[in-house]
Amino acid sequence: MKSQHDDAVAAAIKTEINHFMSIAWCRPHLCDPSFLPVDKPREATPDHGHTLLGKTWFTKDTLPHVLTLYRQHSATEGCRGEIRRFHTLGTGLNEHPNIFHGGAIATVLDSALGALVRSAMPDGRPGYTVALNITYKKAIKTPETIMARSWITKMEGRKVWGRSQIESSTGEIHATADGIFVKGSAKI
């Protein structure tokens, strides 16, 4: 039986899909049948988790629209899934006039990698960033819509290595990150 919360989550995801479908360069990504929307709501949790993207940065001036798509791993391609996360940027996270803040870029990359670890290893255990190495290539102008793409490059026990990049509408790469995550211990 579906709850009101489930209906609200479905409606919120539909709103995000409609927003990004209205942006021509996003449409082909959203129409790729191998990528499915992640049905995790963008909201803070009762235990005060996920407050940065689910509350603090969920305003019309910061990141009013975010949509995460996930493609499961393919044995034939030898990859461990991929995340494509779309962000519509307002001007509320700028450092310089109409330039997205470098710390916010780092957060977007970290969050996209974290979403990939959650999606690729949905065992209920949280993942934590151990290391994140960022390379800034070109400023991101605001307001704008960007895509963060993430891939797992290696897994070893509870450790997960991944790579993420931020792309513009033209496919130009603005920043990259290589990260190491560790999954939390099993609950006893």
C-alpha atoms as a PDB file:
ATOM      1  CA  MET A   1       0.000   0.000   0.000  1.00  0.00           C
ATOM      2  CA  LYS A   2       1.396   3.381  -1.020  1.00  0.00           C
ATOM      3  CA  SER A   3       1.642   6.037   1.655  1.00  0.00           C
ATOM      4  CA  GLN A   4       1.241   9.792   1.324  1.00  0.00           C
ATOM      5  CA  HIS A   5       5.025  10.039   1.656  1.00  0.00           C
ATOM      6  CA  ASP A   6       5.510   7.647  -1.285  1.00  0.00           C
ATOM      7  CA  ASP A   7       3.083   9.737  -3.356  1.00  0.00           C
ATOM      8  CA  ALA A   8       4.944  12.923  -2.397  1.00  0.00           C
ATOM      9  CA  VAL A   9       8.304  11.378  -3.366  1.00  0.00           C
ATOM     10  CA  ALA A  10       6.907  10.224  -6.725  1.00  0.00           C
ATOM     11  CA  ALA A  11       5.465  13.698  -7.359  1.00  0.00           C
ATOM     12  CA  ALA A  12       8.768  15.382  -6.447  1.00  0.00           C
ATOM     13  CA  ILE A  13      10.725  13.111  -8.806  1.00  0.00           C
ATOM     14  CA  LYS A  14       8.185  13.749 -11.588  1.00  0.00           C
ATOM     15  CA  THR A  15       8.614  17.505 -11.061  1.00  0.00           C
ATOM     16  CA  GLU A  16      12.396  17.159 -11.411  1.00  0.00           C
ATOM     17  CA  ILE A  17      12.074  14.985 -14.534  1.00  0.00           C
ATOM     18  CA  ASN A  18       9.732  17.537 -16.110  1.00  0.00           C
ATOM     19  CA  HIS A  19      12.150  20.373 -15.298  1.00  0.00           C
ATOM     20  CA  PHE A  20      15.168  18.652 -16.861  1.00  0.00           C
ATOM     21  CA  MET A  21      13.152  17.356 -19.835  1.00  0.00           C
ATOM     22  CA  SER A  22      12.468  21.014 -20.652  1.00  0.00           C
ATOM     23  CA  ILE A  23      16.237  21.546 -21.137  1.00  0.00           C
ATOM     24  CA  ALA A  24      17.185  20.323 -24.623  1.00  0.00           C
ATOM     25  CA  TRP A  25      20.654  18.948 -23.840  1.00  0.00           C
ATOM     26  CA  CYS A  26      19.379  17.004 -20.780  1.00  0.00           C
ATOM     27  CA  ARG A  27      16.575  15.281 -22.705  1.00  0.00           C
ATOM     28  CA  PRO A  28      18.704  12.572 -24.442  1.00  0.00           C
ATOM     29  CA  HIS A  29      20.207  11.558 -21.086  1.00  0.00           C
ATOM     30  CA  LEU A  30      16.775  11.294 -19.488  1.00  0.00           C
ATOM     31  CA  CYS A  31      15.474   9.267 -22.444  1.00  0.00           C
ATOM     32  CA  ASP A  32      18.320   6.715 -22.244  1.00  0.00           C
ATOM     33  CA  PRO A  33      16.474   3.564 -21.074  1.00  0.00           C
ATOM     34  CA  SER A  34      19.545   2.167 -19.306  1.00  0.00           C
ATOM     35  CA  PHE A  35      19.438   5.041 -16.782  1.00  0.00           C
ATOM     36  CA  LEU A  36      16.599   5.151 -14.263  1.00  0.00           C
ATOM     37  CA  PRO A  37      15.733   7.889 -11.772  1.00  0.00           C
ATOM     38  CA  VAL A  38      16.858   7.166  -8.223  1.00  0.00           C
ATOM     39  CA  ASP A  39      13.738   7.131  -6.087  1.00  0.00           C
ATOM     40  CA  LYS A  40      15.417   8.556  -2.998  1.00  0.00           C
ATOM     41  CA  PRO A  41      13.729  11.797  -1.985  1.00  0.00           C
ATOM     42  CA  ARG A  42      15.723  15.001  -1.749  1.00  0.00           C
ATOM     43  CA  GLU A  43      14.876  15.768   1.832  1.00  0.00           C
ATOM     44  CA  ALA A  44      16.517  15.924   5.222  1.00  0.00           C
ATOM     45  CA  THR A  45      15.962  12.846   7.343  1.00  0.00           C
ATOM     46  CA  PRO A  46      14.436  12.893  10.842  1.00  0.00           C
ATOM     47  CA  ASP A  47      17.892  12.160  12.331  1.00  0.00           C
ATOM     48  CA  HIS A  48      19.249  15.380  10.720  1.00  0.00           C
ATOM     49  CA  GLY A  49      20.943  13.579   7.823  1.00  0.00           C
ATOM     50  CA  HIS A  50      21.069  14.902   4.262  1.00  0.00           C
ATOM     51  CA  THR A  51      20.378  18.463   5.408  1.00  0.00           C
ATOM     52  CA  LEU A  52      22.847  20.169   3.049  1.00  0.00           C
ATOM     53  CA  LEU A  53      21.198  19.171  -0.247  1.00  0.00           C
ATOM     54  CA  GLY A  54      17.802  18.369   1.247  1.00  0.00           C
ATOM     55  CA  LYS A  55      17.288  21.603   3.148  1.00  0.00           C
ATOM     56  CA  THR A  56      20.060  24.231   3.207  1.00  0.00           C
ATOM     57  CA  TRP A  57      20.804  24.126  -0.532  1.00  0.00           C
ATOM     58  CA  PHE A  58      17.213  23.371  -1.573  1.00  0.00           C
ATOM     59  CA  THR A  59      16.173  26.930  -2.424  1.00  0.00           C
ATOM     60  CA  LYS A  60      15.335  28.777  -5.636  1.00  0.00           C
ATOM     61  CA  ASP A  61      18.695  30.623  -5.391  1.00  0.00           C
ATOM     62  CA  THR A  62      20.991  27.662  -4.672  1.00  0.00           C
ATOM     63  CA  LEU A  63      20.154  24.242  -6.200  1.00  0.00           C
ATOM     64  CA  PRO A  64      16.437  24.415  -6.939  1.00  0.00           C
ATOM     65  CA  HIS A  65      16.476  21.285  -9.112  1.00  0.00           C
ATOM     66  CA  VAL A  66      18.472  18.054  -8.751  1.00  0.00           C
ATOM     67  CA  LEU A  67      17.766  14.732 -10.426  1.00  0.00           C
ATOM     68  CA  THR A  68      19.817  11.547 -10.097  1.00  0.00           C
ATOM     69  CA  LEU A  69      19.808   8.794 -12.717  1.00  0.00           C
ATOM     70  CA  TYR A  70      21.537   5.442 -12.141  1.00  0.00           C
ATOM     71  CA  ARG A  71      22.653   2.726 -14.542  1.00  0.00           C
ATOM     72  CA  GLN A  72      23.405  -0.623 -12.938  1.00  0.00           C
ATOM     73  CA  HIS A  73      26.730  -2.273 -13.580  1.00  0.00           C
ATOM     74  CA  SER A  74      27.250  -4.410 -16.627  1.00  0.00           C
ATOM     75  CA  ALA A  75      29.368  -7.554 -16.515  1.00  0.00           C
ATOM     76  CA  THR A  76      30.105  -7.201 -20.230  1.00  0.00           C
ATOM     77  CA  GLU A  77      31.376  -3.637 -19.866  1.00  0.00           C
ATOM     78  CA  GLY A  78      33.264  -4.404 -16.658  1.00  0.00           C
ATOM     79  CA  CYS A  79      31.960  -1.274 -14.923  1.00  0.00           C
ATOM     80  CA  ARG A  80      30.215  -0.924 -11.613  1.00  0.00           C
ATOM     81  CA  GLY A  81      27.359   1.393 -12.459  1.00  0.00           C
ATOM     82  CA  GLU A  82      27.173   5.045 -13.308  1.00  0.00           C
ATOM     83  CA  ILE A  83      25.398   8.064 -11.889  1.00  0.00           C
ATOM     84  CA  ARG A  84      24.290  11.029 -13.952  1.00  0.00           C
ATOM     85  CA  ARG A  85      23.131  13.775 -11.623  1.00  0.00           C
ATOM     86  CA  PHE A  86      21.680  16.959 -13.046  1.00  0.00           C
ATOM     87  CA  HIS A  87      21.793  20.228 -11.096  1.00  0.00           C
ATOM     88  CA  THR A  88      20.204  23.532 -11.964  1.00  0.00           C
ATOM     89  CA  LEU A  89      22.351  26.164 -10.285  1.00  0.00           C
ATOM     90  CA  GLY A  90      21.049  29.451  -8.989  1.00  0.00           C
ATOM     91  CA  THR A  91      23.314  32.353  -8.076  1.00  0.00           C
ATOM     92  CA  GLY A  92      23.177  31.767  -4.320  1.00  0.00           C
ATOM     93  CA  LEU A  93      26.349  29.664  -4.166  1.00  0.00           C
ATOM     94  CA  ASN A  94      28.715  32.038  -5.950  1.00  0.00           C
ATOM     95  CA  GLU A  95      32.087  33.277  -4.756  1.00  0.00           C
ATOM     96  CA  HIS A  96      32.726  35.683  -7.612  1.00  0.00           C
ATOM     97  CA  PRO A  97      29.951  37.317  -9.664  1.00  0.00           C
ATOM     98  CA  ASN A  98      28.084  34.587 -11.559  1.00  0.00           C
ATOM     99  CA  ILE A  99      30.791  31.973 -10.816  1.00  0.00           C
ATOM    100  CA  PHE A 100      29.854  28.826  -8.854  1.00  0.00           C
ATOM    101  CA  HIS A 101      31.973  28.515  -5.678  1.00  0.00           C
ATOM    102  CA  GLY A 102      34.811  25.964  -5.768  1.00  0.00           C
ATOM    103  CA  GLY A 103      33.731  24.489  -2.436  1.00  0.00           C
ATOM    104  CA  ALA A 104      30.247  23.971  -3.815  1.00  0.00           C
ATOM    105  CA  ILE A 105      31.797  22.249  -6.855  1.00  0.00           C
ATOM    106  CA  ALA A 106      33.652  19.910  -4.481  1.00  0.00           C
ATOM    107  CA  THR A 107      30.396  19.172  -2.658  1.00  0.00           C
ATOM    108  CA  VAL A 108      28.566  18.402  -5.913  1.00  0.00           C
ATOM    109  CA  LEU A 109      31.338  15.968  -6.939  1.00  0.00           C
ATOM    110  CA  ASP A 110      31.469  14.346  -3.488  1.00  0.00           C
ATOM    111  CA  SER A 111      27.692  14.008  -3.360  1.00  0.00           C
ATOM    112  CA  ALA A 112      27.511  12.439  -6.831  1.00  0.00           C
ATOM    113  CA  LEU A 113      30.167   9.893  -5.859  1.00  0.00           C
ATOM    114  CA  GLY A 114      28.354   9.176  -2.599  1.00  0.00           C
ATOM    115  CA  ALA A 115      25.084   8.614  -4.483  1.00  0.00           C
ATOM    116  CA  LEU A 116      26.880   6.135  -6.720  1.00  0.00           C
ATOM    117  CA  VAL A 117      28.282   4.206  -3.753  1.00  0.00           C
ATOM    118  CA  ARG A 118      24.766   4.081  -2.209  1.00  0.00           C
ATOM    119  CA  SER A 119      23.202   2.917  -5.478  1.00  0.00           C
ATOM    120  CA  ALA A 120      25.893   0.387  -6.384  1.00  0.00           C
ATOM    121  CA  MET A 121      26.083  -1.088  -2.877  1.00  0.00           C
ATOM    122  CA  PRO A 122      22.519  -0.788  -1.505  1.00  0.00           C
ATOM    123  CA  ASP A 123      23.177  -2.752   1.663  1.00  0.00           C
ATOM    124  CA  GLY A 124      21.802  -0.126   4.018  1.00  0.00           C
ATOM    125  CA  ARG A 125      25.227   0.806   5.370  1.00  0.00           C
ATOM    126  CA  PRO A 126      26.323   4.410   4.972  1.00  0.00           C
ATOM    127  CA  GLY A 127      29.377   5.334   2.930  1.00  0.00           C
ATOM    128  CA  TYR A 128      31.904   7.902   4.101  1.00  0.00           C
ATOM    129  CA  THR A 129      34.386   9.949   2.089  1.00  0.00           C
ATOM    130  CA  VAL A 130      37.970   9.093   3.045  1.00  0.00           C
ATOM    131  CA  ALA A 131      39.780  11.123   0.374  1.00  0.00           C
ATOM    132  CA  LEU A 132      38.691  13.418  -2.422  1.00  0.00           C
ATOM    133  CA  ASN A 133      41.144  14.917  -4.910  1.00  0.00           C
ATOM    134  CA  ILE A 134      39.627  17.662  -7.068  1.00  0.00           C
ATOM    135  CA  THR A 135      40.949  19.208 -10.254  1.00  0.00           C
ATOM    136  CA  TYR A 136      39.314  22.444 -11.342  1.00  0.00           C
ATOM    137  CA  LYS A 137      39.498  22.939 -15.102  1.00  0.00           C
ATOM    138  CA  LYS A 138      37.138  25.789 -15.979  1.00  0.00           C
ATOM    139  CA  ALA A 139      34.804  28.089 -14.034  1.00  0.00           C
ATOM    140  CA  ILE A 140      31.108  27.228 -13.947  1.00  0.00           C
ATOM    141  CA  LYS A 141      28.941  30.239 -14.727  1.00  0.00           C
ATOM    142  CA  THR A 142      25.620  30.698 -12.948  1.00  0.00           C
ATOM    143  CA  PRO A 143      22.750  30.395 -13.382  1.00  0.00           C
ATOM    144  CA  GLU A 144      23.310  27.160 -15.300  1.00  0.00           C
ATOM    145  CA  THR A 145      22.415  23.497 -15.517  1.00  0.00           C
ATOM    146  CA  ILE A 146      25.257  20.990 -15.165  1.00  0.00           C
ATOM    147  CA  MET A 147      25.640  17.224 -15.042  1.00  0.00           C
ATOM    148  CA  ALA A 148      27.867  15.338 -12.599  1.00  0.00           C
ATOM    149  CA  ARG A 149      28.841  11.870 -13.850  1.00  0.00           C
ATOM    150  CA  SER A 150      30.355   9.262 -11.526  1.00  0.00           C
ATOM    151  CA  TRP A 151      31.826   5.785 -11.937  1.00  0.00           C
ATOM    152  CA  ILE A 152      33.260   3.243  -9.529  1.00  0.00           C
ATOM    153  CA  THR A 153      36.782   2.369 -10.604  1.00  0.00           C
ATOM    154  CA  LYS A 154      37.705  -0.203  -7.963  1.00  0.00           C
ATOM    155  CA  MET A 155      36.206  -2.044  -4.997  1.00  0.00           C
ATOM    156  CA  GLU A 156      38.100  -3.859  -2.276  1.00  0.00           C
ATOM    157  CA  GLY A 157      36.226  -5.045   0.786  1.00  0.00           C
ATOM    158  CA  ARG A 158      34.514  -2.002   2.296  1.00  0.00           C
ATOM    159  CA  LYS A 159      36.644   0.448   0.267  1.00  0.00           C
ATOM    160  CA  VAL A 160      35.300   1.949  -2.954  1.00  0.00           C
ATOM    161  CA  TRP A 161      37.293   4.099  -5.396  1.00  0.00           C
ATOM    162  CA  GLY A 162      35.447   6.352  -7.801  1.00  0.00           C
ATOM    163  CA  ARG A 163      35.774   9.127 -10.338  1.00  0.00           C
ATOM    164  CA  SER A 164      33.396  12.000 -10.972  1.00  0.00           C
ATOM    165  CA  GLN A 165      33.287  14.930 -13.359  1.00  0.00           C
ATOM    166  CA  ILE A 166      31.100  17.955 -13.934  1.00  0.00           C
ATOM    167  CA  GLU A 167      30.029  18.579 -17.506  1.00  0.00           C
ATOM    168  CA  SER A 168      28.279  21.532 -19.110  1.00  0.00           C
ATOM    169  CA  SER A 169      25.622  21.485 -21.819  1.00  0.00           C
ATOM    170  CA  THR A 170      28.352  21.187 -24.456  1.00  0.00           C
ATOM    171  CA  GLY A 171      30.007  18.203 -22.767  1.00  0.00           C
ATOM    172  CA  GLU A 172      32.936  20.337 -21.642  1.00  0.00           C
ATOM    173  CA  ILE A 173      34.466  19.080 -18.378  1.00  0.00           C
ATOM    174  CA  HIS A 174      34.706  21.785 -15.711  1.00  0.00           C
ATOM    175  CA  ALA A 175      36.034  19.764 -12.764  1.00  0.00           C
ATOM    176  CA  THR A 176      36.997  16.192 -11.900  1.00  0.00           C
ATOM    177  CA  ALA A 177      37.377  14.285  -8.656  1.00  0.00           C
ATOM    178  CA  ASP A 178      38.938  11.007  -7.635  1.00  0.00           C
ATOM    179  CA  GLY A 179      37.659   9.706  -4.330  1.00  0.00           C
ATOM    180  CA  ILE A 180      37.926   6.888  -1.857  1.00  0.00           C
ATOM    181  CA  PHE A 181      34.894   5.891   0.205  1.00  0.00           C
ATOM    182  CA  VAL A 182      34.479   3.344   2.941  1.00  0.00           C
ATOM    183  CA  LYS A 183      31.230   1.591   3.728  1.00  0.00           C
ATOM    184  CA  GLY A 184      30.225   1.536   7.384  1.00  0.00           C
ATOM    185  CA  SER A 185      30.554  -1.666   9.376  1.00  0.00           C
ATOM    186  CA  ALA A 186      27.688  -4.117   9.380  1.00  0.00           C
ATOM    187  CA  LYS A 187      25.082  -3.397  12.035  1.00  0.00           C
ATOM    188  CA  ILE A 188      25.147  -5.822  14.971  1.00  0.00           C
END
